[in-house]
Protein backbone atom coordinates (compact mmCIF):
# COMPACT_ATOMS: atom_id res chain seq x y z
CA MET A 1 0.00 0.00 0.00
CA GLU A 2 2.79 2.43 0.91
CA GLN A 3 4.60 1.67 -2.35
CA SER A 4 1.38 2.26 -4.31
CA GLU A 5 0.80 5.60 -2.59
CA GLU A 6 4.39 6.62 -3.28
CA MET A 7 4.01 5.79 -6.98
CA HIS A 8 0.77 7.77 -7.12
CA ARG A 9 2.60 10.73 -5.59
CA LYS A 10 5.53 10.44 -8.01
CA VAL A 11 3.34 10.12 -11.09
CA SER A 12 1.11 13.01 -9.99
CA GLN A 13 4.10 15.27 -9.40
CA ALA A 14 5.60 14.27 -12.74
CA ASN A 15 2.37 15.35 -14.44
CA VAL A 16 2.60 18.73 -12.69
CA ASP A 17 6.25 19.32 -13.62
CA TYR A 18 5.99 17.92 -17.12
CA TYR A 19 2.92 19.83 -18.23
CA ASN A 20 3.99 23.06 -16.57
CA LYS A 21 7.07 22.98 -18.78
CA CYS A 22 5.45 21.97 -22.05
CA ALA A 23 2.09 23.79 -21.80
CA LYS A 24 2.96 26.43 -24.39
CA GLN A 25 4.08 23.81 -26.93
CA TYR A 26 1.43 21.21 -26.08
CA GLU A 27 -0.85 21.77 -29.06
CA VAL A 28 2.10 21.51 -31.44
CA ILE A 29 3.54 18.40 -29.85
CA GLU A 30 0.14 16.68 -29.60
CA GLU A 31 -0.86 17.70 -33.11
CA THR A 32 -2.95 14.56 -33.74
CA ILE A 33 -5.34 15.56 -30.95
CA PHE A 34 -5.89 18.93 -32.59
CA ALA A 35 -6.15 17.66 -36.17
CA ARG A 36 -9.28 19.01 -37.86
CA GLU A 37 -10.78 15.54 -38.38
CA ASN A 38 -10.38 14.66 -34.72
CA GLU A 39 -11.69 18.02 -33.56
CA GLU A 40 -14.83 17.52 -35.63
CA ARG A 41 -15.32 14.02 -34.20
CA VAL A 42 -14.93 15.20 -30.59
CA HIS A 43 -17.12 18.25 -31.12
CA GLY A 44 -19.86 15.98 -32.48
CA ILE A 45 -19.77 13.85 -29.33
CA ILE A 46 -19.91 16.88 -27.03
CA LYS A 47 -22.77 18.36 -29.04
CA GLU A 48 -24.72 15.11 -28.77
CA LEU A 49 -24.16 14.95 -25.01
CA GLY A 50 -25.23 18.58 -24.64
CA GLY A 51 -28.46 17.81 -26.44
CA LYS A 52 -29.41 15.27 -23.76
CA TYR A 53 -29.44 17.77 -20.90
CA GLU A 54 -31.35 21.04 -21.16
CA GLN A 55 -29.43 23.77 -19.28
CA GLY A 56 -26.79 21.11 -18.61
CA SER A 57 -23.48 21.30 -16.75
CA LEU A 58 -20.17 19.74 -17.77
CA LEU A 59 -16.93 19.14 -15.91
CA ASP A 60 -13.78 18.44 -17.92
CA VAL A 61 -11.22 16.60 -15.80
CA GLY A 62 -7.65 17.15 -16.98
CA CYS A 63 -8.80 19.97 -19.24
CA GLY A 64 -5.30 20.81 -20.48
CA THR A 65 -5.33 23.70 -22.91
CA GLY A 66 -9.13 23.70 -23.21
CA ASN A 67 -9.81 21.31 -26.08
CA ILE A 68 -13.10 20.01 -24.62
CA LEU A 69 -14.02 23.27 -22.88
CA ARG A 70 -14.25 25.31 -26.06
CA PHE A 71 -16.70 22.84 -27.60
CA ALA A 72 -18.69 22.39 -24.39
CA LEU A 73 -19.29 26.14 -24.02
CA GLN A 74 -21.39 25.96 -27.18
CA HIS A 75 -23.70 23.24 -25.85
CA PHE A 76 -23.81 23.48 -22.03
CA LYS A 77 -25.03 26.26 -19.76
CA GLU A 78 -22.29 25.67 -17.18
CA VAL A 79 -18.77 24.45 -18.04
CA THR A 80 -15.96 23.85 -15.54
CA GLY A 81 -12.41 22.59 -16.02
CA THR A 82 -9.83 21.09 -13.69
CA ASP A 83 -6.19 20.24 -14.24
CA ILE A 84 -3.25 19.38 -12.03
CA SER A 85 -1.00 21.79 -13.98
CA ALA A 86 -1.29 25.52 -13.34
CA GLU A 87 0.33 26.34 -16.67
CA MET A 88 -2.15 24.22 -18.60
CA LEU A 89 -5.00 25.97 -16.80
CA GLU A 90 -3.59 29.32 -17.89
CA ARG A 91 -3.90 28.16 -21.49
CA SER A 92 -7.53 27.21 -20.85
CA ARG A 93 -8.34 30.61 -19.40
CA GLN A 94 -8.88 31.96 -22.91
CA TYR A 95 -12.15 30.00 -22.91
CA THR A 96 -13.47 30.26 -19.35
CA ASP A 97 -12.58 31.37 -15.82
CA ARG A 98 -14.40 28.44 -14.25
CA LEU A 99 -11.15 26.59 -13.66
CA VAL A 100 -9.78 24.77 -10.62
CA GLN A 101 -6.32 23.34 -10.06
CA ALA A 102 -6.85 19.90 -8.53
CA ASP A 103 -5.66 16.32 -8.44
CA ALA A 104 -8.30 14.32 -10.30
CA SER A 105 -8.40 11.76 -7.50
CA GLN A 106 -9.64 14.49 -5.11
CA LEU A 107 -12.09 16.65 -7.03
CA PRO A 108 -13.23 19.70 -5.02
CA PHE A 109 -16.93 19.42 -5.92
CA ASP A 110 -20.06 18.18 -4.18
CA HIS A 111 -21.71 14.87 -4.97
CA ASP A 112 -24.05 14.89 -7.99
CA SER A 113 -22.80 18.24 -9.37
CA PHE A 114 -22.55 17.71 -13.15
CA HIS A 115 -24.67 16.20 -15.90
CA VAL A 116 -21.58 15.25 -17.92
CA VAL A 117 -18.00 14.58 -16.83
CA THR A 118 -15.30 14.25 -19.48
CA ALA A 119 -11.68 13.12 -19.29
CA TYR A 120 -9.98 13.32 -22.67
CA SER A 121 -6.55 11.68 -22.86
CA VAL A 122 -6.36 11.41 -19.07
CA LEU A 123 -6.62 7.84 -17.76
CA HIS A 124 -3.29 6.68 -19.19
CA HIS A 125 -1.50 9.47 -17.30
CA LEU A 126 -2.57 7.99 -13.96
CA TYR A 127 -0.71 5.38 -11.97
CA ASP A 128 -4.08 3.90 -10.97
CA PRO A 129 -7.17 5.16 -12.86
CA PHE A 130 -9.67 3.73 -10.36
CA PRO A 131 -9.64 6.56 -7.75
CA VAL A 132 -10.28 9.07 -10.54
CA ILE A 133 -13.10 6.96 -11.99
CA GLN A 134 -14.62 6.84 -8.50
CA GLU A 135 -14.40 10.63 -8.22
CA MET A 136 -15.97 11.16 -11.63
CA TYR A 137 -18.82 8.89 -10.55
CA ARG A 138 -19.23 10.82 -7.29
CA VAL A 139 -19.54 14.27 -8.89
CA CYS A 140 -21.72 13.07 -11.79
CA LYS A 141 -25.49 13.46 -11.39
CA LYS A 142 -27.71 10.38 -11.39
CA GLY A 143 -28.59 9.70 -15.01
CA GLY A 144 -25.55 11.67 -16.10
CA VAL A 145 -22.69 10.48 -18.29
CA VAL A 146 -18.92 10.13 -17.93
CA PHE A 147 -17.03 10.17 -21.22
CA THR A 148 -13.34 9.29 -21.60
CA ASP A 149 -11.35 9.08 -24.81
CA ASN A 150 -7.90 8.94 -26.43
CA ASP A 151 -6.39 6.33 -24.15
CA PRO A 152 -4.15 3.55 -25.49
CA ASN A 153 -5.79 0.17 -26.08
CA GLY A 154 -3.64 -2.37 -24.27
CA TYR A 155 -4.32 -5.20 -26.73
CA PHE A 156 -3.09 -3.06 -29.62
CA GLN A 157 -0.07 -1.88 -27.61
CA LYS A 158 1.03 -5.45 -26.87
CA ARG A 159 0.28 -6.78 -30.35
CA PHE A 160 2.19 -4.03 -32.14
CA LYS A 161 4.85 -3.36 -29.54
CA TRP A 162 7.48 -2.64 -32.23
CA TYR A 163 5.24 0.10 -33.60
CA LYS A 164 4.63 1.44 -30.09
CA ASN A 165 8.40 1.66 -29.51
CA LEU A 166 8.91 3.46 -32.82
CA ARG A 167 6.15 5.94 -31.93
CA LYS A 168 7.77 6.60 -28.56
CA LYS A 169 11.05 7.48 -30.27
CA LEU A 170 9.27 9.87 -32.63
CA TYR A 171 7.33 11.33 -29.69
CA LYS A 172 10.56 11.93 -27.77
CA LYS A 173 12.10 13.58 -30.83
CA LYS A 174 9.23 16.07 -30.96
CA TYR A 175 9.84 17.02 -27.35
CA ASP A 176 13.58 17.28 -27.90
CA GLN A 177 12.94 19.70 -30.76
CA SER A 178 10.43 21.77 -28.81
CA LEU A 179 12.19 21.69 -25.44
CA PRO A 180 15.82 20.89 -26.27
CA ASP A 181 17.45 22.06 -23.03
CA GLU A 182 15.27 20.48 -20.37
CA GLY A 183 17.62 17.59 -19.60
CA SER A 184 17.25 14.08 -18.23
CA ALA A 185 14.95 15.02 -15.32
CA PHE A 186 12.39 16.30 -17.80
CA GLN A 187 12.64 13.08 -19.81
CA GLU A 188 11.96 11.06 -16.67
CA ASP A 189 8.96 13.27 -15.86
CA MET A 190 7.68 12.69 -19.38
CA LYS A 191 7.86 8.92 -18.95
CA LEU A 192 6.14 8.97 -15.56
CA ALA A 193 3.46 11.36 -16.82
CA GLU A 194 2.84 9.03 -19.78
CA TYR A 195 2.77 6.13 -17.34
CA HIS A 196 0.75 3.63 -19.35
CA HIS A 197 2.82 4.27 -22.46
CA TYR A 198 6.23 3.79 -20.84
CA TYR A 199 5.73 1.59 -17.77
CA ALA A 200 2.74 -0.45 -18.94
CA ASP A 201 1.37 -1.64 -22.26
CA GLY A 202 -1.58 0.69 -22.49
CA LEU A 203 -4.88 0.14 -20.68
CA ASP A 204 -6.62 -3.21 -20.54
CA ALA A 205 -10.16 -2.60 -21.82
CA GLN A 206 -11.83 -5.23 -19.64
CA ARG A 207 -10.01 -3.98 -16.55
CA ILE A 208 -11.12 -0.42 -17.27
CA LYS A 209 -14.71 -1.57 -17.75
CA ASN A 210 -14.54 -3.45 -14.47
CA MET A 211 -13.33 -0.28 -12.74
CA PHE A 212 -16.28 1.72 -14.03
CA GLU A 213 -18.71 -0.99 -12.97
CA LYS A 214 -17.07 -1.29 -9.54
CA ALA A 215 -17.38 2.49 -9.12
CA GLY A 216 -21.15 2.05 -9.50
CA PHE A 217 -22.04 3.03 -13.07
CA ALA A 218 -25.31 1.49 -14.28
CA GLU A 219 -24.17 1.13 -17.89
CA VAL A 220 -20.62 1.03 -19.26
CA ASN A 221 -19.76 0.97 -22.95
CA VAL A 222 -16.12 0.56 -23.96
CA MET A 223 -15.48 1.42 -27.60
CA PHE A 224 -12.43 1.20 -29.85
CA ARG A 225 -11.37 3.55 -32.62
CA PHE A 226 -8.71 4.58 -35.09
CA HIS A 227 -7.55 8.16 -35.48
CA PRO A 228 -9.85 9.90 -37.99
CA ARG A 229 -6.79 11.03 -39.96
CA PRO A 230 -5.08 7.64 -40.49
CA ASN A 231 -1.35 7.40 -41.12
CA LEU A 232 0.16 4.79 -43.46
CA PHE A 233 0.43 2.13 -40.74
CA THR A 234 -3.24 2.58 -39.81
CA LYS A 235 -4.32 2.35 -43.45
CA VAL A 236 -2.45 -0.93 -43.84
CA ILE A 237 -3.91 -2.33 -40.61
CA LYS A 238 -7.42 -1.42 -41.70
CA VAL A 239 -7.01 -3.41 -44.92
CA LEU A 240 -5.07 -6.42 -43.63
CA LEU A 241 -7.18 -6.85 -40.49
CA PHE A 242 -10.49 -5.82 -41.99
CA PHE A 243 -12.42 -8.78 -40.58
CA GLU A 244 -10.94 -8.67 -37.09
CA PRO A 245 -12.90 -7.08 -34.20
CA LYS A 246 -12.02 -3.48 -33.35
CA GLU A 247 -10.65 -4.33 -29.91
CA LYS A 248 -7.82 -6.28 -31.58
CA LYS A 249 -6.75 -3.65 -34.11
CA CYS A 250 -7.70 -0.15 -32.90
CA PRO A 251 -5.08 1.87 -31.01
CA PHE A 252 -7.50 3.95 -28.92
CA LEU A 253 -10.25 3.14 -26.45
CA MET A 254 -13.06 5.34 -25.20
CA VAL A 255 -15.70 4.89 -22.54
CA MET A 256 -19.27 6.15 -22.26
CA ALA A 257 -20.67 5.35 -18.81
CA THR A 258 -24.10 6.25 -17.39
CA LYS A 259 -24.64 6.73 -13.67
């Protein structure tokens, strides 16, 4: 238990240090998140969720530079963002002032506060996602929805480990070009912050589903997807593995859970 708590502390602090340093370059480094095709896909999901709740409220956990917030403001009456990084929150301030710096495992909100809770590209940054899933359940209203997305599918990560390792090298190169003088401590923070990319083989879909169900959600749907702007590798996979189920060939998993 003590070792687990220490790892949680180390990974949380790495997320603070890492994102504080790279906040200004984040949207360049994570260009696939902000690709037009992906933005349109995400906006469509947020719009659909907003349509379910008249005068609805949304909390974005790990809001980063405001990717979800700027869409949510068009479809929800009340939009709030939290992030563990103060510098990332400053980037989000261009969209809203309803921002709170907080560890996602200790959200500073009352029970049953929000119709929708989102966590885009968050779960794989956590040493243990379960406490955060529990917190999202707690602050979500009964009948509300928790939506997570852009987390690595463990089956894909293990199956195509060579590709995963190549991607990590390219990912590191981007950071080296954007932040060339940060040194080895920054590289270690990066690895800890991207915990389930570097110290685990992505997230196990069944385990994640079990966590949501254990937290108390009435309905949990785990879905698998490709990036909407496929690279050459993805195009080849789509053709060669056309008849295989999505959970065996898609790199990303997303969850839609109803309380």
